Amino acid sequence: MRTGRVELALRDGIAQVRIVHPGKFNAMSRAMWHELRSVFEQIQGRDDVRCVVLQGADGHFCAGGDISEYPSFRFDLERLRDFHESEVWGGLQAMLDCDVAIVAQIQGNCMGAGLEMACCCDIRLASTNARFGAPIAHLGFPMAPREAQLVARELGTASARAMLLAAAVLDAPSLQQRGFLHQVHDDEELALQVLTLAQRMAALAPQAARLNKQTLRAIAAPGGAFAWPVDAGANDIEAAHSPYHYAPSAEHREGIEAFLNKRKPVFK
C-alpha cells in the first residue's frame, strides 16, 4: 500500500501543496516525484491560482529521498540516470517552470530532496526548529549535477560545500543570515505568517507576478541576462512576444487608475 503522496488544495486563489509520507518525515518516493510534477503542471495551466504554498505534513518539510526504494535501482547506471534526470528533475523543473510565485513553509527536517524543493521556491519562511542539509556523503553517493547546481545557486557555494563535503546540517537562523531564508518564526507562528504573506501576494496583480517570474527565470538562465533588443520595434518581432505586451491589458489599466483615484485595486 502506497502511503506517500503530494496533495493539492485550492482556496481563495492560493494553492496549498503538501508533501505527505507518514512515518518517514515526508521522504520523497519515486511515485511522489511524478505527483509533484503533475501537481505543478496543473497549477501552471490554471489562471485562478495566484500563489502557491509548499509545505510538509506533521511538523516536517521533507527529510530527503525514500531510501528504502534505493536498492531496487541505484546500482544500475541507466536506471540511476533515469531516476535523477527524469523523475527527480522532472518534478523540480515543473516547480522552476511555474509562473505562479511559490512560498515555502519549512518546519523540522529539510534534507536532500527537501532542500532541493525549497531551492525551487521564490520565498522561504522557516520555523526556528528547521534543519537543513544534504548528508548523502554518509550514504556513499554524490548529489546529481543539475541538483547540485540548483542548490549551489540558491544556497550559496560556501553553504553547499559544507553540506555536501562535510555533511553539515545548518539551522534556520544561520541560513537566514546567509540570505537563503527570507523569514524565521517560532514554530507556532509560522503557519499564520505564511498565510498572511500568501494572502497579500494573492491580492497583487497576477499578470505582473507571472511576468516577473518569467523575467527572473530568464535572468537566472545561462548567460545571466535578459537578452531582449531594447530598440526592437513592431516590425522586428511579434507584439505578442514583447516583454511589454501587457500595455493594453485591463490589469495594467486597473492598477494605474486605482492609484490615481486613491482606491484599492481589484485584479480579476
C-alpha atoms as a PDB file:
ATOM      1  CA  MET A   1       0.000   0.000   0.000  1.00  0.00           C
ATOM      2  CA  ARG A   2       1.441   3.362  -1.051  1.00  0.00           C
ATOM      3  CA  THR A   3       1.344   5.935   1.746  1.00  0.00           C
ATOM      4  CA  GLY A   4       3.438   8.751   0.298  1.00  0.00           C
ATOM      5  CA  ARG A   5       1.640  11.392  -1.742  1.00  0.00           C
ATOM      6  CA  VAL A   6       1.643  15.022  -2.870  1.00  0.00           C
ATOM      7  CA  GLU A   7      -1.636  16.757  -2.087  1.00  0.00           C
ATOM      8  CA  LEU A   8      -3.113  19.818  -3.791  1.00  0.00           C
ATOM      9  CA  ALA A   9      -5.858  22.023  -2.352  1.00  0.00           C
ATOM     10  CA  LEU A  10      -7.117  25.329  -3.784  1.00  0.00           C
ATOM     11  CA  ARG A  11      -8.740  28.117  -1.805  1.00  0.00           C
ATOM     12  CA  ASP A  12      -9.149  31.824  -2.493  1.00  0.00           C
ATOM     13  CA  GLY A  13      -6.503  31.861  -5.205  1.00  0.00           C
ATOM     14  CA  ILE A  14      -3.913  30.045  -3.062  1.00  0.00           C
ATOM     15  CA  ALA A  15      -2.733  26.538  -3.956  1.00  0.00           C
ATOM     16  CA  GLN A  16      -1.681  24.508  -0.934  1.00  0.00           C
ATOM     17  CA  VAL A  17       0.762  21.773  -1.964  1.00  0.00           C
ATOM     18  CA  ARG A  18       1.552  19.344   0.839  1.00  0.00           C
ATOM     19  CA  ILE A  19       4.230  16.636   0.942  1.00  0.00           C
ATOM     20  CA  VAL A  20       2.887  13.667   2.904  1.00  0.00           C
ATOM     21  CA  HIS A  21       4.703  10.455   3.803  1.00  0.00           C
ATOM     22  CA  PRO A  22       3.726   9.259   7.291  1.00  0.00           C
ATOM     23  CA  GLY A  23       6.456   7.667   9.373  1.00  0.00           C
ATOM     24  CA  LYS A  24       9.222   8.841   7.023  1.00  0.00           C
ATOM     25  CA  PHE A  25       9.340  12.585   7.721  1.00  0.00           C
ATOM     26  CA  ASN A  26       7.764  13.102   4.270  1.00  0.00           C
ATOM     27  CA  ALA A  27      10.629  11.495   2.354  1.00  0.00           C
ATOM     28  CA  MET A  28      10.068  11.561  -1.420  1.00  0.00           C
ATOM     29  CA  SER A  29       9.307   8.235  -3.077  1.00  0.00           C
ATOM     30  CA  ARG A  30       9.649   7.771  -6.835  1.00  0.00           C
ATOM     31  CA  ALA A  31       5.878   7.964  -7.255  1.00  0.00           C
ATOM     32  CA  MET A  32       5.830  11.225  -5.288  1.00  0.00           C
ATOM     33  CA  TRP A  33       8.277  12.850  -7.720  1.00  0.00           C
ATOM     34  CA  HIS A  34       5.832  12.079 -10.533  1.00  0.00           C
ATOM     35  CA  GLU A  35       2.978  13.505  -8.459  1.00  0.00           C
ATOM     36  CA  LEU A  36       4.981  16.667  -7.711  1.00  0.00           C
ATOM     37  CA  ARG A  37       5.492  17.214 -11.430  1.00  0.00           C
ATOM     38  CA  SER A  38       1.814  16.625 -12.179  1.00  0.00           C
ATOM     39  CA  VAL A  39       0.674  18.999  -9.422  1.00  0.00           C
ATOM     40  CA  PHE A  40       2.841  21.879 -10.604  1.00  0.00           C
ATOM     41  CA  GLU A  41       1.917  21.305 -14.226  1.00  0.00           C
ATOM     42  CA  GLN A  42      -1.721  21.569 -13.151  1.00  0.00           C
ATOM     43  CA  ILE A  43      -1.015  24.809 -11.307  1.00  0.00           C
ATOM     44  CA  GLN A  44       0.835  26.235 -14.310  1.00  0.00           C
ATOM     45  CA  GLY A  45      -2.179  25.533 -16.502  1.00  0.00           C
ATOM     46  CA  ARG A  46      -4.675  27.345 -14.271  1.00  0.00           C
ATOM     47  CA  ASP A  47      -5.424  31.062 -14.328  1.00  0.00           C
ATOM     48  CA  ASP A  48      -7.175  31.145 -10.943  1.00  0.00           C
ATOM     49  CA  VAL A  49      -4.062  30.437  -8.846  1.00  0.00           C
ATOM     50  CA  ARG A  50      -2.190  33.496  -7.594  1.00  0.00           C
ATOM     51  CA  CYS A  51       0.176  31.991  -5.029  1.00  0.00           C
ATOM     52  CA  VAL A  52       1.449  28.527  -4.077  1.00  0.00           C
ATOM     53  CA  VAL A  53       2.374  27.408  -0.561  1.00  0.00           C
ATOM     54  CA  LEU A  54       4.584  24.302  -0.374  1.00  0.00           C
ATOM     55  CA  GLN A  55       4.669  22.553   2.990  1.00  0.00           C
ATOM     56  CA  GLY A  56       5.181  19.179   4.599  1.00  0.00           C
ATOM     57  CA  ALA A  57       2.872  17.246   6.902  1.00  0.00           C
ATOM     58  CA  ASP A  58       3.203  16.531  10.621  1.00  0.00           C
ATOM     59  CA  GLY A  59       5.793  19.141  11.521  1.00  0.00           C
ATOM     60  CA  HIS A  60       8.417  18.332   8.900  1.00  0.00           C
ATOM     61  CA  PHE A  61       9.094  19.633   5.382  1.00  0.00           C
ATOM     62  CA  CYS A  62      10.866  16.689   3.718  1.00  0.00           C
ATOM     63  CA  ALA A  63      13.680  14.508   5.030  1.00  0.00           C
ATOM     64  CA  GLY A  64      15.085  13.593   1.587  1.00  0.00           C
ATOM     65  CA  GLY A  65      14.505  10.576  -0.624  1.00  0.00           C
ATOM     66  CA  ASP A  66      12.843   7.325   0.401  1.00  0.00           C
ATOM     67  CA  ILE A  67      15.978   5.249   0.956  1.00  0.00           C
ATOM     68  CA  SER A  68      14.007   2.005   1.238  1.00  0.00           C
ATOM     69  CA  GLU A  69      13.498   2.168  -2.550  1.00  0.00           C
ATOM     70  CA  TYR A  70      17.164   2.729  -3.399  1.00  0.00           C
ATOM     71  CA  PRO A  71      18.408  -0.900  -3.688  1.00  0.00           C
ATOM     72  CA  SER A  72      15.901  -1.524  -6.488  1.00  0.00           C
ATOM     73  CA  PHE A  73      17.530   0.918  -8.913  1.00  0.00           C
ATOM     74  CA  ARG A  74      20.559   2.855  -7.632  1.00  0.00           C
ATOM     75  CA  PHE A  75      23.145   0.224  -8.508  1.00  0.00           C
ATOM     76  CA  ASP A  76      22.270   0.218 -12.213  1.00  0.00           C
ATOM     77  CA  LEU A  77      23.723   3.120 -14.225  1.00  0.00           C
ATOM     78  CA  GLU A  78      20.805   3.567 -16.637  1.00  0.00           C
ATOM     79  CA  ARG A  79      18.112   3.317 -14.001  1.00  0.00           C
ATOM     80  CA  LEU A  80      20.030   5.685 -11.716  1.00  0.00           C
ATOM     81  CA  ARG A  81      20.365   8.231 -14.536  1.00  0.00           C
ATOM     82  CA  ASP A  82      16.659   7.969 -15.342  1.00  0.00           C
ATOM     83  CA  PHE A  83      15.751   8.470 -11.678  1.00  0.00           C
ATOM     84  CA  HIS A  84      17.700  11.724 -11.383  1.00  0.00           C
ATOM     85  CA  GLU A  85      17.320  13.147 -14.872  1.00  0.00           C
ATOM     86  CA  SER A  86      13.684  12.194 -15.473  1.00  0.00           C
ATOM     87  CA  GLU A  87      11.898  11.569 -12.198  1.00  0.00           C
ATOM     88  CA  VAL A  88      13.611  13.932  -9.748  1.00  0.00           C
ATOM     89  CA  TRP A  89      14.488  16.662 -12.231  1.00  0.00           C
ATOM     90  CA  GLY A  90      11.060  16.355 -13.839  1.00  0.00           C
ATOM     91  CA  GLY A  91       9.475  17.364 -10.535  1.00  0.00           C
ATOM     92  CA  LEU A  92      11.988  20.114  -9.804  1.00  0.00           C
ATOM     93  CA  GLN A  93      11.770  21.504 -13.345  1.00  0.00           C
ATOM     94  CA  ALA A  94       7.981  21.724 -13.101  1.00  0.00           C
ATOM     95  CA  MET A  95       8.449  23.848  -9.988  1.00  0.00           C
ATOM     96  CA  LEU A  96      11.067  26.030 -11.675  1.00  0.00           C
ATOM     97  CA  ASP A  97       8.828  26.463 -14.735  1.00  0.00           C
ATOM     98  CA  CYS A  98       5.827  27.513 -12.660  1.00  0.00           C
ATOM     99  CA  ASP A  99       4.900  31.146 -13.330  1.00  0.00           C
ATOM    100  CA  VAL A 100       2.991  31.414 -10.053  1.00  0.00           C
ATOM    101  CA  ALA A 101       5.005  32.563  -7.025  1.00  0.00           C
ATOM    102  CA  ILE A 102       5.871  29.707  -4.634  1.00  0.00           C
ATOM    103  CA  VAL A 103       6.249  30.218  -0.877  1.00  0.00           C
ATOM    104  CA  ALA A 104       7.982  27.510   1.157  1.00  0.00           C
ATOM    105  CA  GLN A 105       6.698  26.813   4.673  1.00  0.00           C
ATOM    106  CA  ILE A 106       9.564  24.875   6.257  1.00  0.00           C
ATOM    107  CA  GLN A 107       9.482  23.063   9.578  1.00  0.00           C
ATOM    108  CA  GLY A 108      11.636  20.321  11.036  1.00  0.00           C
ATOM    109  CA  ASN A 109      13.719  18.294   8.595  1.00  0.00           C
ATOM    110  CA  CYS A 110      14.559  19.886   5.232  1.00  0.00           C
ATOM    111  CA  MET A 111      17.161  17.497   3.869  1.00  0.00           C
ATOM    112  CA  GLY A 112      18.307  16.363   0.441  1.00  0.00           C
ATOM    113  CA  ALA A 113      15.199  16.311  -1.737  1.00  0.00           C
ATOM    114  CA  GLY A 114      13.511  18.714   0.673  1.00  0.00           C
ATOM    115  CA  LEU A 115      16.385  21.167   0.326  1.00  0.00           C
ATOM    116  CA  GLU A 116      16.170  20.890  -3.466  1.00  0.00           C
ATOM    117  CA  MET A 117      12.435  21.615  -3.449  1.00  0.00           C
ATOM    118  CA  ALA A 118      12.995  24.569  -1.130  1.00  0.00           C
ATOM    119  CA  CYS A 119      15.567  25.880  -3.618  1.00  0.00           C
ATOM    120  CA  CYS A 120      12.819  25.929  -6.274  1.00  0.00           C
ATOM    121  CA  CYS A 121      10.646  28.227  -4.179  1.00  0.00           C
ATOM    122  CA  ASP A 122      10.626  32.008  -4.569  1.00  0.00           C
ATOM    123  CA  ILE A 123      10.223  32.974  -0.921  1.00  0.00           C
ATOM    124  CA  ARG A 124      11.208  30.763   2.004  1.00  0.00           C
ATOM    125  CA  LEU A 125       9.864  31.015   5.550  1.00  0.00           C
ATOM    126  CA  ALA A 126      11.025  28.600   8.220  1.00  0.00           C
ATOM    127  CA  SER A 127      10.473  27.810  11.872  1.00  0.00           C
ATOM    128  CA  THR A 128      13.304  28.118  14.371  1.00  0.00           C
ATOM    129  CA  ASN A 129      13.413  24.308  14.656  1.00  0.00           C
ATOM    130  CA  ALA A 130      14.044  23.727  10.940  1.00  0.00           C
ATOM    131  CA  ARG A 131      17.232  21.858   9.995  1.00  0.00           C
ATOM    132  CA  PHE A 132      18.822  21.935   6.555  1.00  0.00           C
ATOM    133  CA  GLY A 133      21.344  19.655   4.921  1.00  0.00           C
ATOM    134  CA  ALA A 134      22.203  17.047   2.310  1.00  0.00           C
ATOM    135  CA  PRO A 135      24.239  14.478   4.250  1.00  0.00           C
ATOM    136  CA  ILE A 136      24.295  11.968   1.403  1.00  0.00           C
ATOM    137  CA  ALA A 137      28.065  11.502   1.829  1.00  0.00           C
ATOM    138  CA  HIS A 138      27.050   9.143   4.656  1.00  0.00           C
ATOM    139  CA  LEU A 139      25.174   7.101   2.036  1.00  0.00           C
ATOM    140  CA  GLY A 140      28.099   6.818  -0.347  1.00  0.00           C
ATOM    141  CA  PHE A 141      26.904   8.882  -3.303  1.00  0.00           C
ATOM    142  CA  PRO A 142      27.138  12.494  -4.562  1.00  0.00           C
ATOM    143  CA  MET A 143      24.356  14.908  -5.445  1.00  0.00           C
ATOM    144  CA  ALA A 144      23.334  14.733  -9.102  1.00  0.00           C
ATOM    145  CA  PRO A 145      24.935  17.537 -11.170  1.00  0.00           C
ATOM    146  CA  ARG A 146      21.828  19.566 -12.034  1.00  0.00           C
ATOM    147  CA  GLU A 147      20.537  19.239  -8.486  1.00  0.00           C
ATOM    148  CA  ALA A 148      23.911  20.383  -7.105  1.00  0.00           C
ATOM    149  CA  GLN A 149      23.904  23.344  -9.496  1.00  0.00           C
ATOM    150  CA  LEU A 150      20.445  24.343  -8.258  1.00  0.00           C
ATOM    151  CA  VAL A 151      21.436  24.071  -4.595  1.00  0.00           C
ATOM    152  CA  ALA A 152      24.712  25.950  -5.038  1.00  0.00           C
ATOM    153  CA  ARG A 153      22.959  28.750  -6.923  1.00  0.00           C
ATOM    154  CA  GLU A 154      20.212  29.267  -4.361  1.00  0.00           C
ATOM    155  CA  LEU A 155      22.011  28.340  -1.159  1.00  0.00           C
ATOM    156  CA  GLY A 156      25.447  29.737  -1.998  1.00  0.00           C
ATOM    157  CA  THR A 157      28.564  27.758  -2.793  1.00  0.00           C
ATOM    158  CA  ALA A 158      30.041  28.042   0.726  1.00  0.00           C
ATOM    159  CA  SER A 159      26.966  26.501   2.365  1.00  0.00           C
ATOM    160  CA  ALA A 160      26.628  23.920  -0.427  1.00  0.00           C
ATOM    161  CA  ARG A 161      30.250  22.833   0.033  1.00  0.00           C
ATOM    162  CA  ALA A 162      29.743  22.481   3.785  1.00  0.00           C
ATOM    163  CA  MET A 163      26.648  20.355   3.296  1.00  0.00           C
ATOM    164  CA  LEU A 164      27.988  18.142   0.519  1.00  0.00           C
ATOM    165  CA  LEU A 165      31.635  17.783   1.556  1.00  0.00           C
ATOM    166  CA  ALA A 166      31.316  17.814   5.363  1.00  0.00           C
ATOM    167  CA  ALA A 167      27.690  16.609   5.712  1.00  0.00           C
ATOM    168  CA  ALA A 168      26.967  19.792   7.651  1.00  0.00           C
ATOM    169  CA  VAL A 169      23.463  20.358   8.987  1.00  0.00           C
ATOM    170  CA  LEU A 170      22.598  24.034   9.391  1.00  0.00           C
ATOM    171  CA  ASP A 171      19.835  25.671  11.407  1.00  0.00           C
ATOM    172  CA  ALA A 172      17.294  28.251  10.276  1.00  0.00           C
ATOM    173  CA  PRO A 173      18.835  31.356  11.908  1.00  0.00           C
ATOM    174  CA  SER A 174      22.193  30.711  10.228  1.00  0.00           C
ATOM    175  CA  LEU A 175      20.567  30.257   6.813  1.00  0.00           C
ATOM    176  CA  GLN A 176      18.597  33.465   7.292  1.00  0.00           C
ATOM    177  CA  GLN A 177      21.886  35.253   7.947  1.00  0.00           C
ATOM    178  CA  ARG A 178      23.287  33.725   4.756  1.00  0.00           C
ATOM    179  CA  GLY A 179      20.316  35.005   2.733  1.00  0.00           C
ATOM    180  CA  PHE A 180      18.664  31.680   1.921  1.00  0.00           C
ATOM    181  CA  LEU A 181      15.659  32.190   4.199  1.00  0.00           C
ATOM    182  CA  HIS A 182      13.528  35.315   3.998  1.00  0.00           C
ATOM    183  CA  GLN A 183      11.906  34.963   7.427  1.00  0.00           C
ATOM    184  CA  VAL A 184      12.283  32.775  10.527  1.00  0.00           C
ATOM    185  CA  HIS A 185       9.479  32.459  13.095  1.00  0.00           C
ATOM    186  CA  ASP A 186       8.642  30.433  16.176  1.00  0.00           C
ATOM    187  CA  ASP A 187       7.022  27.158  15.225  1.00  0.00           C
ATOM    188  CA  GLU A 188       3.568  28.116  16.484  1.00  0.00           C
ATOM    189  CA  GLU A 189       3.626  31.383  14.497  1.00  0.00           C
ATOM    190  CA  LEU A 190       4.912  30.074  11.164  1.00  0.00           C
ATOM    191  CA  ALA A 191       1.616  28.945   9.594  1.00  0.00           C
ATOM    192  CA  LEU A 192      -0.083  32.279  10.301  1.00  0.00           C
ATOM    193  CA  GLN A 193       2.875  34.247   8.933  1.00  0.00           C
ATOM    194  CA  VAL A 194       2.887  32.156   5.743  1.00  0.00           C
ATOM    195  CA  LEU A 195      -0.870  32.521   5.287  1.00  0.00           C
ATOM    196  CA  THR A 196      -0.687  36.282   5.811  1.00  0.00           C
ATOM    197  CA  LEU A 197       2.078  36.567   3.218  1.00  0.00           C
ATOM    198  CA  ALA A 198       0.271  34.295   0.725  1.00  0.00           C
ATOM    199  CA  GLN A 199      -2.954  36.286   1.054  1.00  0.00           C
ATOM    200  CA  ARG A 200      -1.074  39.526   0.473  1.00  0.00           C
ATOM    201  CA  MET A 201       0.626  38.093  -2.590  1.00  0.00           C
ATOM    202  CA  ALA A 202      -2.674  36.683  -3.912  1.00  0.00           C
ATOM    203  CA  ALA A 203      -4.196  40.179  -3.805  1.00  0.00           C
ATOM    204  CA  LEU A 204      -1.485  41.590  -6.072  1.00  0.00           C
ATOM    205  CA  ALA A 205      -1.641  41.782  -9.855  1.00  0.00           C
ATOM    206  CA  PRO A 206      -1.436  38.147 -11.096  1.00  0.00           C
ATOM    207  CA  GLN A 207      -0.278  39.003 -14.627  1.00  0.00           C
ATOM    208  CA  ALA A 208       2.528  41.174 -13.287  1.00  0.00           C
ATOM    209  CA  ALA A 209       3.621  38.415 -10.896  1.00  0.00           C
ATOM    210  CA  ARG A 210       3.793  35.839 -13.690  1.00  0.00           C
ATOM    211  CA  LEU A 211       5.734  38.219 -15.942  1.00  0.00           C
ATOM    212  CA  ASN A 212       8.156  38.982 -13.111  1.00  0.00           C
ATOM    213  CA  LYS A 213       8.790  35.258 -12.625  1.00  0.00           C
ATOM    214  CA  GLN A 214       9.426  34.819 -16.336  1.00  0.00           C
ATOM    215  CA  THR A 215      11.912  37.711 -16.316  1.00  0.00           C
ATOM    216  CA  LEU A 216      13.688  36.448 -13.193  1.00  0.00           C
ATOM    217  CA  ARG A 217      13.900  32.978 -14.763  1.00  0.00           C
ATOM    218  CA  ALA A 218      15.453  34.462 -17.910  1.00  0.00           C
ATOM    219  CA  ILE A 219      17.995  36.389 -15.840  1.00  0.00           C
ATOM    220  CA  ALA A 220      18.965  33.223 -13.971  1.00  0.00           C
ATOM    221  CA  ALA A 221      19.402  31.248 -17.198  1.00  0.00           C
ATOM    222  CA  PRO A 222      22.890  30.600 -18.664  1.00  0.00           C
ATOM    223  CA  GLY A 223      24.269  33.926 -19.825  1.00  0.00           C
ATOM    224  CA  GLY A 224      22.693  35.696 -16.887  1.00  0.00           C
ATOM    225  CA  ALA A 225      20.960  38.465 -18.814  1.00  0.00           C
ATOM    226  CA  PHE A 226      17.549  39.131 -20.271  1.00  0.00           C
ATOM    227  CA  ALA A 227      18.576  39.211 -23.905  1.00  0.00           C
ATOM    228  CA  TRP A 228      15.913  41.430 -25.459  1.00  0.00           C
ATOM    229  CA  PRO A 229      16.822  44.074 -28.058  1.00  0.00           C
ATOM    230  CA  VAL A 230      15.848  47.369 -26.461  1.00  0.00           C
ATOM    231  CA  ASP A 231      15.264  49.035 -29.821  1.00  0.00           C
ATOM    232  CA  ALA A 232      13.195  46.175 -31.264  1.00  0.00           C
ATOM    233  CA  GLY A 233      10.078  47.527 -32.901  1.00  0.00           C
ATOM    234  CA  ALA A 234       6.820  46.048 -34.099  1.00  0.00           C
ATOM    235  CA  ASN A 235       8.418  45.230 -37.450  1.00  0.00           C
ATOM    236  CA  ASP A 236      11.160  43.219 -35.790  1.00  0.00           C
ATOM    237  CA  ILE A 237       9.145  40.938 -33.522  1.00  0.00           C
ATOM    238  CA  GLU A 238       5.592  39.856 -32.963  1.00  0.00           C
ATOM    239  CA  ALA A 239       3.907  42.093 -30.410  1.00  0.00           C
ATOM    240  CA  ALA A 240       2.586  39.058 -28.564  1.00  0.00           C
ATOM    241  CA  HIS A 241       6.155  38.068 -27.645  1.00  0.00           C
ATOM    242  CA  SER A 242       7.248  41.517 -26.480  1.00  0.00           C
ATOM    243  CA  PRO A 243       8.012  41.922 -22.755  1.00  0.00           C
ATOM    244  CA  TYR A 244       5.725  44.971 -22.959  1.00  0.00           C
ATOM    245  CA  HIS A 245       2.734  43.150 -24.453  1.00  0.00           C
ATOM    246  CA  TYR A 246       0.778  43.792 -21.257  1.00  0.00           C
ATOM    247  CA  ALA A 247       0.465  47.522 -22.139  1.00  0.00           C
ATOM    248  CA  PRO A 248      -3.268  47.481 -23.116  1.00  0.00           C
ATOM    249  CA  SER A 249      -4.315  44.891 -20.503  1.00  0.00           C
ATOM    250  CA  ALA A 250      -7.165  45.500 -18.061  1.00  0.00           C
ATOM    251  CA  GLU A 251      -4.917  44.629 -15.133  1.00  0.00           C
ATOM    252  CA  HIS A 252      -2.349  47.238 -16.130  1.00  0.00           C
ATOM    253  CA  ARG A 253      -5.043  49.870 -16.539  1.00  0.00           C
ATOM    254  CA  GLU A 254      -6.734  48.952 -13.242  1.00  0.00           C
ATOM    255  CA  GLY A 255      -3.520  49.313 -11.253  1.00  0.00           C
ATOM    256  CA  ILE A 256      -2.731  52.760 -12.604  1.00  0.00           C
ATOM    257  CA  GLU A 257      -6.299  54.065 -12.408  1.00  0.00           C
ATOM    258  CA  ALA A 258      -6.762  52.789  -8.837  1.00  0.00           C
ATOM    259  CA  PHE A 259      -3.629  54.614  -7.704  1.00  0.00           C
ATOM    260  CA  LEU A 260      -4.678  57.856  -9.375  1.00  0.00           C
ATOM    261  CA  ASN A 261      -8.185  57.585  -7.894  1.00  0.00           C
ATOM    262  CA  LYS A 262      -6.786  56.760  -4.438  1.00  0.00           C
ATOM    263  CA  ARG A 263      -8.577  53.424  -4.134  1.00  0.00           C
ATOM    264  CA  LYS A 264      -7.531  49.828  -3.669  1.00  0.00           C
ATOM    265  CA  PRO A 265      -7.088  47.994  -6.991  1.00  0.00           C
ATOM    266  CA  VAL A 266      -9.215  44.935  -7.730  1.00  0.00           C
ATOM    267  CA  PHE A 267      -7.466  42.453 -10.002  1.00  0.00           C
ATOM    268  CA  LYS A 268      -9.872  39.947 -11.539  1.00  0.00           C
END
